[in-house]
N, C-alpha and C. Protein backbone atom coordinates (compact mmCIF):
# COMPACT_ATOMS: atom_id res chain seq x y z
N MET A 1 60.78 57.87 68.03
CA MET A 1 60.17 58.02 68.89
C MET A 1 61.04 58.01 70.22
N LYS A 2 61.44 58.95 71.11
CA LYS A 2 62.42 59.21 72.43
C LYS A 2 60.90 58.65 73.83
N THR A 3 61.59 58.03 74.45
CA THR A 3 61.27 57.47 75.84
C THR A 3 61.76 58.27 77.20
N LEU A 4 60.50 57.99 77.78
CA LEU A 4 61.36 58.39 79.15
C LEU A 4 60.55 57.55 80.68
N THR A 5 61.12 58.01 81.60
CA THR A 5 61.17 57.00 82.57
C THR A 5 60.29 57.87 83.42
N ALA A 6 59.85 57.30 84.83
CA ALA A 6 58.51 57.62 85.34
C ALA A 6 59.51 59.05 85.89
N ALA A 7 60.70 58.50 86.42
CA ALA A 7 61.44 59.67 87.38
C ALA A 7 61.54 60.84 86.30
N GLU A 8 61.92 60.85 85.46
CA GLU A 8 61.84 62.53 84.52
C GLU A 8 61.01 62.37 83.89
N LEU A 9 59.93 62.25 84.09
CA LEU A 9 59.16 62.91 83.50
C LEU A 9 58.43 63.49 84.73
N ALA A 10 58.02 62.98 86.42
CA ALA A 10 58.17 63.73 87.52
C ALA A 10 58.81 65.12 87.28
N HIS A 11 60.02 64.68 87.14
CA HIS A 11 61.04 65.58 87.48
C HIS A 11 60.19 66.82 86.21
N TRP A 12 60.39 66.49 84.53
CA TRP A 12 59.63 67.45 84.43
C TRP A 12 58.47 67.87 84.46
N LEU A 13 57.25 67.16 85.12
CA LEU A 13 56.26 67.97 85.69
C LEU A 13 56.47 68.93 86.75
N ALA A 14 56.94 68.86 87.35
CA ALA A 14 57.61 69.72 89.12
C ALA A 14 58.12 70.68 88.36
N ASP A 15 59.51 71.06 86.98
CA ASP A 15 60.02 72.13 86.71
C ASP A 15 58.89 72.68 85.99
N ALA A 16 58.52 74.09 87.10
CA ALA A 16 58.16 75.18 86.69
C ALA A 16 58.08 76.60 85.57
N GLN A 17 59.65 76.42 85.07
CA GLN A 17 60.61 76.74 84.09
C GLN A 17 60.26 75.95 82.41
N ARG A 18 59.56 75.16 82.66
CA ARG A 18 59.78 74.18 81.42
C ARG A 18 58.08 73.37 81.42
N ALA A 19 57.95 73.79 79.80
CA ALA A 19 56.43 73.57 79.46
C ALA A 19 55.98 72.30 80.01
N ARG A 20 54.73 72.60 80.09
CA ARG A 20 54.11 71.39 80.57
C ARG A 20 53.45 70.33 79.43
N PRO A 21 54.03 68.75 79.57
CA PRO A 21 54.13 68.42 78.24
C PRO A 21 52.03 67.93 78.28
N GLN A 22 51.76 67.80 77.01
CA GLN A 22 50.46 66.75 76.77
C GLN A 22 50.55 65.66 77.14
N LEU A 23 49.93 64.92 78.27
CA LEU A 23 49.64 63.78 78.67
C LEU A 23 48.74 63.02 78.01
N VAL A 24 48.95 61.82 77.40
CA VAL A 24 47.93 61.32 76.49
C VAL A 24 47.74 59.69 76.90
N ASP A 25 47.22 59.12 77.77
CA ASP A 25 46.10 58.56 78.42
C ASP A 25 46.15 57.30 77.23
N VAL A 26 47.01 56.60 76.89
CA VAL A 26 45.92 56.18 75.47
C VAL A 26 45.34 54.20 76.21
N ARG A 27 45.23 54.05 77.23
CA ARG A 27 44.54 53.01 77.90
C ARG A 27 42.50 52.72 77.78
N GLU A 28 42.27 52.36 77.95
CA GLU A 28 41.07 52.06 77.77
C GLU A 28 40.13 52.65 79.56
N PRO A 29 38.82 53.04 78.83
CA PRO A 29 38.30 54.02 79.98
C PRO A 29 37.95 53.44 81.65
N TRP A 30 38.14 51.80 81.28
CA TRP A 30 38.00 50.82 82.88
C TRP A 30 39.67 51.32 83.24
N GLU A 31 40.18 51.20 82.48
CA GLU A 31 41.49 51.38 83.33
C GLU A 31 41.57 52.45 84.22
N THR A 32 41.36 53.39 83.63
CA THR A 32 41.15 55.00 84.12
C THR A 32 40.61 55.50 85.74
N GLN A 33 39.28 53.87 85.55
CA GLN A 33 38.41 54.55 87.08
C GLN A 33 39.72 53.61 87.89
N LEU A 34 40.67 52.95 87.14
CA LEU A 34 41.31 52.48 88.81
C LEU A 34 42.25 53.24 89.04
N CYS A 35 43.51 53.69 88.21
CA CYS A 35 44.12 54.81 88.53
C CYS A 35 44.41 55.50 87.44
N ARG A 36 44.83 56.76 87.43
CA ARG A 36 45.11 58.00 86.33
C ARG A 36 46.24 58.67 87.00
N ILE A 37 46.86 59.59 85.90
CA ILE A 37 47.64 60.51 86.12
C ILE A 37 47.36 61.82 86.16
N ALA A 38 47.06 62.50 87.03
CA ALA A 38 46.24 64.13 87.23
C ALA A 38 46.67 64.56 85.77
N GLY A 39 45.46 65.13 85.50
CA GLY A 39 45.68 66.46 83.82
C GLY A 39 45.86 65.40 82.86
N ALA A 40 46.15 64.14 82.84
CA ALA A 40 46.62 63.77 81.39
C ALA A 40 45.06 63.48 80.54
N ALA A 41 45.05 63.52 79.50
CA ALA A 41 43.79 63.55 78.30
C ALA A 41 43.76 61.88 78.42
N LEU A 42 42.16 61.08 78.11
CA LEU A 42 42.21 60.27 77.74
C LEU A 42 42.01 60.52 76.15
N MET A 43 42.24 59.38 75.55
CA MET A 43 42.58 59.01 74.62
C MET A 43 42.73 57.85 74.29
N PRO A 44 41.98 56.99 74.12
CA PRO A 44 41.56 55.36 73.96
C PRO A 44 43.05 55.14 73.28
N MET A 45 43.57 54.09 72.79
CA MET A 45 44.61 53.29 71.36
C MET A 45 43.78 53.31 70.44
N ARG A 46 42.32 52.91 70.53
CA ARG A 46 41.80 52.57 69.04
C ARG A 46 41.16 54.12 68.44
N GLU A 47 41.21 54.77 69.65
CA GLU A 47 40.10 56.62 68.83
C GLU A 47 41.53 56.95 68.44
N VAL A 48 42.47 57.25 68.62
CA VAL A 48 43.99 57.87 68.37
C VAL A 48 43.68 58.22 66.94
N PRO A 49 43.83 57.29 65.91
CA PRO A 49 43.31 57.47 64.27
C PRO A 49 42.10 58.57 64.36
N GLN A 50 41.45 58.76 64.73
CA GLN A 50 40.27 59.71 64.54
C GLN A 50 40.39 60.82 65.09
N ARG A 51 41.59 60.86 66.31
CA ARG A 51 41.28 61.89 67.98
C ARG A 51 42.69 63.01 67.39
N PHE A 52 43.92 62.27 67.12
CA PHE A 52 44.79 62.51 67.13
C PHE A 52 45.09 64.31 66.95
N ALA A 53 44.50 64.43 65.55
CA ALA A 53 44.15 66.18 65.78
C ALA A 53 43.86 67.54 66.75
N ASP A 54 43.11 66.38 67.55
CA ASP A 54 42.87 67.32 69.18
C ASP A 54 44.28 67.38 69.85
N LEU A 55 45.38 67.33 69.14
CA LEU A 55 46.78 67.29 70.23
C LEU A 55 47.40 68.32 69.36
N ASP A 56 47.98 69.24 69.94
CA ASP A 56 49.00 70.86 69.44
C ASP A 56 49.94 69.55 69.50
N PRO A 57 50.12 69.71 68.28
CA PRO A 57 51.72 69.40 67.27
C PRO A 57 52.90 70.22 67.38
N GLU A 58 52.51 71.33 68.46
CA GLU A 58 53.69 72.05 68.32
C GLU A 58 54.28 72.00 69.50
N GLN A 59 53.66 71.34 70.49
CA GLN A 59 53.51 71.32 72.28
C GLN A 59 54.13 69.75 72.97
N PRO A 60 55.31 69.43 73.44
CA PRO A 60 55.62 67.72 73.16
C PRO A 60 53.82 67.15 74.00
N VAL A 61 54.47 66.18 73.74
CA VAL A 61 53.36 64.62 74.13
C VAL A 61 53.64 63.69 74.51
N VAL A 62 53.27 63.05 75.59
CA VAL A 62 54.06 62.20 76.20
C VAL A 62 52.54 61.23 76.29
N CYS A 63 53.39 60.17 75.58
CA CYS A 63 52.13 59.27 75.64
C CYS A 63 52.67 57.67 76.78
N PHE A 64 51.24 57.35 77.44
CA PHE A 64 51.22 56.33 78.42
C PHE A 64 50.09 55.44 78.45
N CYS A 65 50.22 54.24 78.81
CA CYS A 65 49.10 52.97 78.95
C CYS A 65 49.55 52.64 80.23
N HIS A 66 49.27 51.09 80.27
CA HIS A 66 49.43 50.22 81.44
C HIS A 66 51.19 49.93 81.74
N HIS A 67 51.71 49.38 80.57
CA HIS A 67 53.31 48.83 80.92
C HIS A 67 54.11 49.59 79.66
N GLY A 68 53.11 50.57 78.56
CA GLY A 68 54.26 51.00 77.84
C GLY A 68 54.04 50.55 76.84
N ALA A 69 53.78 49.34 76.22
CA ALA A 69 53.70 48.83 74.78
C ALA A 69 52.66 49.50 73.78
N ARG A 70 51.34 49.84 74.41
CA ARG A 70 50.37 50.27 73.59
C ARG A 70 50.80 51.59 72.99
N SER A 71 50.80 52.58 74.53
CA SER A 71 51.71 54.20 73.82
C SER A 71 53.18 54.38 73.48
N ALA A 72 53.72 53.04 72.72
CA ALA A 72 54.50 53.24 72.35
C ALA A 72 54.32 53.58 70.38
N HIS A 73 53.11 52.17 70.50
CA HIS A 73 52.51 52.55 68.81
C HIS A 73 52.29 53.46 68.93
N VAL A 74 51.55 54.50 69.59
CA VAL A 74 50.57 55.55 69.13
C VAL A 74 51.58 56.64 69.18
N ALA A 75 52.80 56.30 70.38
CA ALA A 75 54.06 57.47 70.02
C ALA A 75 54.58 57.23 68.64
N MET A 76 54.65 56.21 68.00
CA MET A 76 55.08 56.24 66.74
C MET A 76 54.37 56.23 65.74
N PHE A 77 53.06 56.45 66.19
CA PHE A 77 51.92 57.10 64.99
C PHE A 77 52.27 58.25 64.82
N LEU A 78 51.93 58.98 66.70
CA LEU A 78 52.06 60.46 66.17
C LEU A 78 53.34 60.67 65.46
N ALA A 79 54.84 60.16 65.54
CA ALA A 79 55.61 60.62 64.76
C ALA A 79 55.49 60.49 63.70
N ARG A 80 54.89 59.76 62.76
CA ARG A 80 54.41 59.91 61.23
C ARG A 80 53.69 60.77 61.28
N GLN A 81 52.65 60.83 62.00
CA GLN A 81 51.96 62.21 61.47
C GLN A 81 52.26 63.20 61.93
N GLY A 82 54.15 63.83 62.07
CA GLY A 82 54.30 65.20 61.69
C GLY A 82 54.92 65.41 63.56
N TYR A 83 54.18 65.10 64.43
CA TYR A 83 54.52 65.33 66.08
C TYR A 83 55.67 65.19 66.31
N GLY A 84 56.74 66.62 66.41
CA GLY A 84 57.89 66.04 66.63
C GLY A 84 58.58 65.78 67.59
N ASP A 85 57.43 65.80 68.75
CA ASP A 85 58.21 66.00 70.31
C ASP A 85 57.14 64.60 71.10
N VAL A 86 57.25 63.80 70.77
CA VAL A 86 56.60 62.56 71.09
C VAL A 86 57.42 61.62 71.94
N TYR A 87 56.75 61.23 73.47
CA TYR A 87 57.59 60.52 74.17
C TYR A 87 56.91 59.36 74.34
N ASN A 88 57.13 58.20 75.34
CA ASN A 88 56.50 57.14 75.74
C ASN A 88 57.23 57.29 76.60
N LEU A 89 55.85 56.58 78.10
CA LEU A 89 56.26 56.49 79.31
C LEU A 89 57.15 55.41 79.50
N THR A 90 58.33 55.17 79.54
CA THR A 90 58.72 53.06 79.82
C THR A 90 58.06 52.96 81.01
N GLY A 91 57.38 51.40 80.93
CA GLY A 91 56.72 51.12 82.47
C GLY A 91 55.22 51.48 82.18
N GLY A 92 54.80 52.52 81.71
CA GLY A 92 53.68 53.26 82.00
C GLY A 92 53.34 53.75 83.14
N ILE A 93 52.00 53.61 83.35
CA ILE A 93 51.36 53.58 84.68
C ILE A 93 51.74 53.01 85.92
N ASP A 94 51.90 51.69 85.67
CA ASP A 94 52.36 50.63 86.81
C ASP A 94 53.81 51.24 86.88
N ALA A 95 54.88 52.00 86.09
CA ALA A 95 55.96 52.06 86.58
C ALA A 95 55.84 53.71 87.15
N TRP A 96 54.75 54.63 87.08
CA TRP A 96 54.93 55.47 87.90
C TRP A 96 54.02 55.21 89.02
N ALA A 97 52.92 54.48 89.01
CA ALA A 97 52.39 53.76 90.62
C ALA A 97 53.97 53.78 91.37
N ARG A 98 54.94 52.85 90.70
CA ARG A 98 55.57 52.20 91.58
C ARG A 98 56.74 52.93 92.22
N GLN A 99 57.06 53.99 91.29
CA GLN A 99 58.37 54.65 92.12
C GLN A 99 57.80 55.84 92.28
N ILE A 100 56.50 56.87 91.33
CA ILE A 100 56.76 58.09 91.86
C ILE A 100 55.91 57.68 92.86
N ASP A 101 53.83 57.26 92.51
CA ASP A 101 53.27 57.86 93.49
C ASP A 101 52.62 56.31 94.22
N PRO A 102 53.58 55.79 95.11
CA PRO A 102 53.01 54.53 95.54
C PRO A 102 51.87 54.12 96.17
N ALA A 103 50.86 55.65 96.55
CA ALA A 103 49.51 55.38 97.17
C ALA A 103 48.74 55.15 95.22
N MET A 104 49.10 54.98 94.68
CA MET A 104 48.46 54.88 93.00
C MET A 104 48.51 53.42 93.35
N ALA A 105 46.88 52.78 92.93
CA ALA A 105 46.34 51.26 92.87
C ALA A 105 47.19 51.21 91.29
N THR A 106 47.80 49.64 92.00
CA THR A 106 48.39 48.89 90.59
C THR A 106 47.37 47.94 89.64
N TYR A 107 47.10 47.54 88.83
CA TYR A 107 46.69 46.68 88.18
C TYR A 107 47.56 45.75 87.81
């Protein structure tokens, strides 16, 4: 499993020459009501074993949660399922809010 910082992900998303990753938010629905990254698909961690086939294994996947622990587990799971280009967002959405989008709510 690879990791990305919030700054690295922001740079990737801003790069029109680079294919956009599949953003997978593994938090619970109530957490997404507080804050979210635009374009991210909600797939709560408990649903990943039943829903991971919804993801394209040929495209990069970036998983994130609140601080990065749940998403690290999901990223490792996806890698074991044969997804080759999987990343965990270090520090999760909290790091994104603090470093990239200070207008985003934190919790």
